[in-house]
Amino acid sequence: MNKIFILPILIIFILSFSSCFGQRNRRTAIVPIPDTEFFDFTLPVKMDDIIETKDGPGSRVMPDWLRAYINGGIDEVERMAAYNGKYVFIGMSEGLNFTAMSRWADNFSPVRDTTMLAARRIETKLVSSATLYPDDEYGVFYGRMIGNAYGSVYPGAVKEDTYWIKMRVDNEEGSSELYVFFVLISIDRTTLQNVVQDMISKSIPSGNIPQNQRNAIDRLQRSFFERF
């Protein structure tokens, strides 16, 4: 007789477990901002792996801005006296074909191609400033702001320099060589801040929005350029 009740009891147990699991998932639907991988930009270049540059063998001779970028990222470049009062963006492309990479760098347009670089930086700021997922934190403002960021032209962008390196890449199949091209773009800080402030104003919904979202947008507007 015990065998008769084993299956029903097992089914009830499974359904109860599934129900609890589902409720737990629903309760945690709104969770903290995306994983730190979203913000983890690790440049796939190490000084020791550089075997040649535009200026010759090894990595001894390189532009100061590129050395700063490899060692410390954009923040390190913007600390340089040469870029005081400017925001810096660096486009990067890698490949085996030197001619193709050279063509990419030559055709890089500060008007057209800076959009992706600036918009990504704006998006990162929005997400890093949120305590919840951005859609929950800012509501419809978030989607509008992202759309405006990726759909805008950023005036005043200047193509400062281009440079290439050749690096050794080690993998399971052995070692290979890869060309990496960099394009340095700068924009006057005041110019870009005016563009972004106007973008924020245009992205704020005109109708009523939940007070918590209104507060989050107000905080963002006041502190947007801190650690931007």
Protein backbone atom coordinates (compact mmCIF):
# COMPACT_ATOMS: atom_id res chain seq x y z
CA MET A 1 0.00 0.00 0.00
CA ASN A 2 2.89 2.33 0.64
CA LYS A 3 3.88 2.02 -3.00
CA ILE A 4 0.53 3.47 -4.08
CA PHE A 5 1.29 6.79 -2.36
CA ILE A 6 4.88 7.20 -3.47
CA LEU A 7 4.10 8.70 -6.89
CA PRO A 8 1.48 11.24 -5.69
CA ILE A 9 3.73 12.36 -2.85
CA LEU A 10 6.66 12.71 -5.24
CA ILE A 11 4.56 14.79 -7.63
CA ILE A 12 3.35 17.05 -4.81
CA PHE A 13 6.97 17.55 -3.69
CA ILE A 14 8.12 18.49 -7.18
CA LEU A 15 5.24 20.92 -7.71
CA SER A 16 5.85 22.54 -4.31
CA PHE A 17 9.58 22.93 -5.04
CA SER A 18 8.87 24.39 -8.48
CA SER A 19 6.37 26.84 -7.00
CA CYS A 20 8.85 28.05 -4.39
CA PHE A 21 11.57 28.37 -7.03
CA GLY A 22 9.28 30.39 -9.26
CA GLN A 23 8.26 32.69 -6.42
CA ARG A 24 11.89 33.22 -5.51
CA ASN A 25 12.68 34.16 -9.11
CA ARG A 26 9.77 36.60 -9.22
CA ARG A 27 10.85 38.24 -6.00
CA THR A 28 14.34 38.81 -7.41
CA ALA A 29 13.20 40.03 -10.84
CA ILE A 30 14.47 43.51 -9.97
CA VAL A 31 18.09 43.03 -8.98
CA PRO A 32 21.17 45.24 -8.75
CA ILE A 33 22.77 46.69 -11.85
CA PRO A 34 24.42 44.35 -14.41
CA ASP A 35 27.50 42.37 -13.55
CA THR A 36 30.80 44.18 -13.33
CA GLU A 37 31.70 42.57 -16.68
CA PHE A 38 29.64 45.37 -18.25
CA PHE A 39 32.19 47.90 -16.98
CA ASP A 40 35.29 45.74 -17.21
CA PHE A 41 37.20 47.07 -20.18
CA THR A 42 40.49 45.27 -20.17
CA LEU A 43 42.62 46.28 -23.11
CA PRO A 44 43.83 43.11 -24.85
CA VAL A 45 47.31 44.56 -25.19
CA LYS A 46 50.30 44.15 -22.89
CA MET A 47 53.52 46.02 -23.34
CA ASP A 48 55.54 42.79 -23.18
CA ASP A 49 53.56 41.35 -26.11
CA ILE A 50 54.34 44.22 -28.50
CA ILE A 51 56.94 43.13 -31.03
CA GLU A 52 56.75 46.07 -33.43
CA THR A 53 55.21 49.52 -33.74
CA LYS A 54 54.80 52.18 -36.37
CA ASP A 55 58.19 53.50 -35.25
CA GLY A 56 60.14 50.24 -35.29
CA PRO A 57 60.86 46.99 -33.41
CA GLY A 58 59.73 46.53 -29.81
CA SER A 59 57.68 48.96 -27.74
CA ARG A 60 60.39 51.40 -26.69
CA VAL A 61 59.19 54.20 -28.98
CA MET A 62 55.47 54.91 -28.75
CA PRO A 63 53.28 58.01 -28.43
CA ASP A 64 52.75 59.05 -24.82
CA TRP A 65 48.96 58.86 -25.20
CA LEU A 66 49.08 55.24 -26.35
CA ARG A 67 51.46 54.19 -23.62
CA ALA A 68 49.17 55.86 -21.07
CA TYR A 69 46.14 54.14 -22.60
CA ILE A 70 47.69 50.68 -22.48
CA ASN A 71 48.87 51.15 -18.91
CA GLY A 72 45.88 52.97 -17.42
CA GLY A 73 43.00 53.37 -19.86
CA ILE A 74 41.18 56.51 -20.95
CA ASP A 75 41.42 58.08 -17.49
CA GLU A 76 45.19 58.00 -17.68
CA VAL A 77 45.17 59.70 -21.10
CA GLU A 78 42.82 62.44 -19.94
CA ARG A 79 45.16 63.22 -17.05
CA MET A 80 47.86 64.23 -19.50
CA ALA A 81 48.49 67.96 -19.82
CA ALA A 82 48.06 67.77 -23.59
CA TYR A 83 44.39 66.82 -23.16
CA ASN A 84 43.48 69.15 -20.33
CA GLY A 85 39.93 70.40 -20.87
CA LYS A 86 39.11 67.61 -23.32
CA TYR A 87 37.36 64.28 -23.36
CA VAL A 88 39.32 61.56 -25.11
CA PHE A 89 37.98 58.62 -27.08
CA ILE A 90 40.04 55.89 -28.69
CA GLY A 91 38.83 53.67 -31.48
CA MET A 92 40.57 50.33 -31.86
CA SER A 93 40.56 47.63 -34.51
CA GLU A 94 42.65 44.49 -34.84
CA GLY A 95 43.33 42.00 -37.61
CA LEU A 96 45.85 40.09 -39.65
CA ASN A 97 45.62 42.23 -42.76
CA PHE A 98 47.77 45.34 -42.41
CA THR A 99 46.33 46.98 -45.52
CA ALA A 100 42.76 46.53 -44.36
CA MET A 101 43.57 47.90 -40.92
CA SER A 102 45.36 50.89 -42.43
CA ARG A 103 42.31 51.63 -44.56
CA TRP A 104 40.08 51.48 -41.48
CA ALA A 105 42.26 53.99 -39.65
CA ASP A 106 42.54 56.32 -42.63
CA ASN A 107 38.77 56.30 -43.17
CA PHE A 108 37.87 56.72 -39.51
CA SER A 109 35.61 59.77 -39.43
CA PRO A 110 35.56 61.92 -36.29
CA VAL A 111 32.05 63.05 -37.23
CA ARG A 112 30.57 59.65 -38.08
CA ASP A 113 32.52 57.14 -36.03
CA THR A 114 32.80 59.03 -32.75
CA THR A 115 29.09 58.44 -32.18
CA MET A 116 29.57 54.82 -31.09
CA LEU A 117 32.44 55.70 -28.76
CA ALA A 118 30.63 58.59 -27.07
CA ALA A 119 27.31 56.74 -26.85
CA ARG A 120 28.95 53.74 -25.20
CA ARG A 121 30.47 56.05 -22.60
CA ILE A 122 27.10 57.69 -21.96
CA GLU A 123 25.43 54.28 -21.62
CA THR A 124 28.07 53.14 -19.14
CA LYS A 125 27.45 56.26 -17.05
CA LEU A 126 23.70 55.64 -16.99
CA VAL A 127 24.10 52.04 -15.88
CA SER A 128 26.85 52.68 -13.33
CA SER A 129 24.79 55.43 -11.70
CA ALA A 130 21.75 53.19 -11.26
CA THR A 131 20.96 51.17 -8.15
CA LEU A 132 18.60 48.89 -10.11
CA TYR A 133 18.48 47.85 -13.73
CA PRO A 134 18.28 51.07 -15.78
CA ASP A 135 14.78 50.36 -17.13
CA ASP A 136 13.51 50.16 -13.55
CA GLU A 137 15.64 53.03 -12.31
CA TYR A 138 14.83 55.59 -15.01
CA GLY A 139 11.74 54.23 -16.76
CA VAL A 140 11.10 55.43 -20.31
CA PHE A 141 13.86 58.04 -19.93
CA TYR A 142 16.50 55.33 -20.20
CA GLY A 143 15.39 54.08 -23.61
CA ARG A 144 15.06 57.61 -24.93
CA MET A 145 18.47 58.61 -23.66
CA ILE A 146 20.16 55.58 -25.19
CA GLY A 147 18.39 56.14 -28.49
CA ASN A 148 19.45 59.79 -28.54
CA ALA A 149 23.03 58.91 -27.60
CA TYR A 150 23.47 56.42 -30.42
CA GLY A 151 21.56 58.59 -32.88
CA SER A 152 23.45 61.84 -32.32
CA VAL A 153 26.38 63.52 -34.01
CA TYR A 154 28.98 64.91 -31.64
CA PRO A 155 30.29 68.19 -33.05
CA GLY A 156 33.81 69.32 -32.40
CA ALA A 157 35.36 65.84 -32.48
CA VAL A 158 38.96 66.02 -33.67
CA LYS A 159 41.03 63.15 -35.03
CA GLU A 160 44.27 63.75 -33.13
CA ASP A 161 46.40 60.78 -34.13
CA THR A 162 46.49 57.22 -35.47
CA TYR A 163 48.99 54.54 -34.55
CA TRP A 164 49.53 50.82 -34.99
CA ILE A 165 51.34 48.07 -33.16
CA LYS A 166 52.03 44.43 -33.92
CA MET A 167 51.69 42.06 -31.01
CA ARG A 168 52.33 38.42 -30.28
CA VAL A 169 49.22 36.42 -29.40
CA ASP A 170 49.58 33.10 -27.62
CA ASN A 171 46.82 30.53 -27.85
CA GLU A 172 46.28 26.77 -27.74
CA GLU A 173 47.54 26.41 -31.29
CA GLY A 174 50.74 28.30 -30.60
CA SER A 175 51.73 31.90 -31.25
CA SER A 176 50.56 34.27 -33.96
CA GLU A 177 50.99 37.93 -34.82
CA LEU A 178 48.22 40.51 -34.86
CA TYR A 179 48.04 44.14 -35.94
CA VAL A 180 46.19 46.56 -33.66
CA PHE A 181 45.32 50.05 -34.91
CA PHE A 182 44.31 52.93 -32.65
CA VAL A 183 42.60 56.22 -33.50
CA LEU A 184 42.75 59.03 -30.94
CA ILE A 185 39.76 61.41 -30.86
CA SER A 186 39.31 64.45 -28.62
CA ILE A 187 36.33 66.71 -27.92
CA ASP A 188 36.29 69.93 -25.92
CA ARG A 189 34.74 69.18 -22.52
CA THR A 190 32.33 72.11 -22.54
CA THR A 191 31.15 71.27 -26.06
CA LEU A 192 30.38 67.65 -25.19
CA GLN A 193 28.76 68.55 -21.88
CA ASN A 194 26.40 70.94 -23.65
CA VAL A 195 25.44 68.19 -26.10
CA VAL A 196 24.76 65.68 -23.33
CA GLN A 197 22.83 68.16 -21.18
CA ASP A 198 20.59 68.96 -24.13
CA MET A 199 20.21 65.22 -24.75
CA ILE A 200 19.12 64.65 -21.15
CA SER A 201 16.53 67.44 -21.35
CA LYS A 202 15.06 66.02 -24.54
CA SER A 203 14.91 62.51 -23.07
CA ILE A 204 12.89 63.42 -19.95
CA PRO A 205 9.21 62.44 -20.42
CA SER A 206 6.80 65.35 -20.46
CA GLY A 207 4.02 63.48 -18.64
CA ASN A 208 3.79 62.14 -15.13
CA ILE A 209 6.30 59.48 -14.14
CA PRO A 210 6.76 57.63 -10.83
CA GLN A 211 8.42 59.79 -8.20
CA ASN A 212 11.28 57.33 -7.66
CA GLN A 213 12.15 57.52 -11.37
CA ARG A 214 11.89 61.32 -11.30
CA ASN A 215 14.29 61.41 -8.34
CA ALA A 216 16.74 59.10 -10.11
CA ILE A 217 16.73 61.27 -13.23
CA ASP A 218 17.26 64.41 -11.15
CA ARG A 219 20.23 62.81 -9.39
CA LEU A 220 21.69 61.71 -12.70
CA GLN A 221 21.27 65.18 -14.19
CA ARG A 222 23.09 66.81 -11.27
CA SER A 223 26.02 64.40 -11.18
CA PHE A 224 26.31 63.13 -14.76
CA PHE A 225 29.81 64.46 -15.40
CA GLU A 226 31.31 63.24 -12.14
CA ARG A 227 33.68 60.40 -13.09
CA PHE A 228 32.29 60.49 -16.65
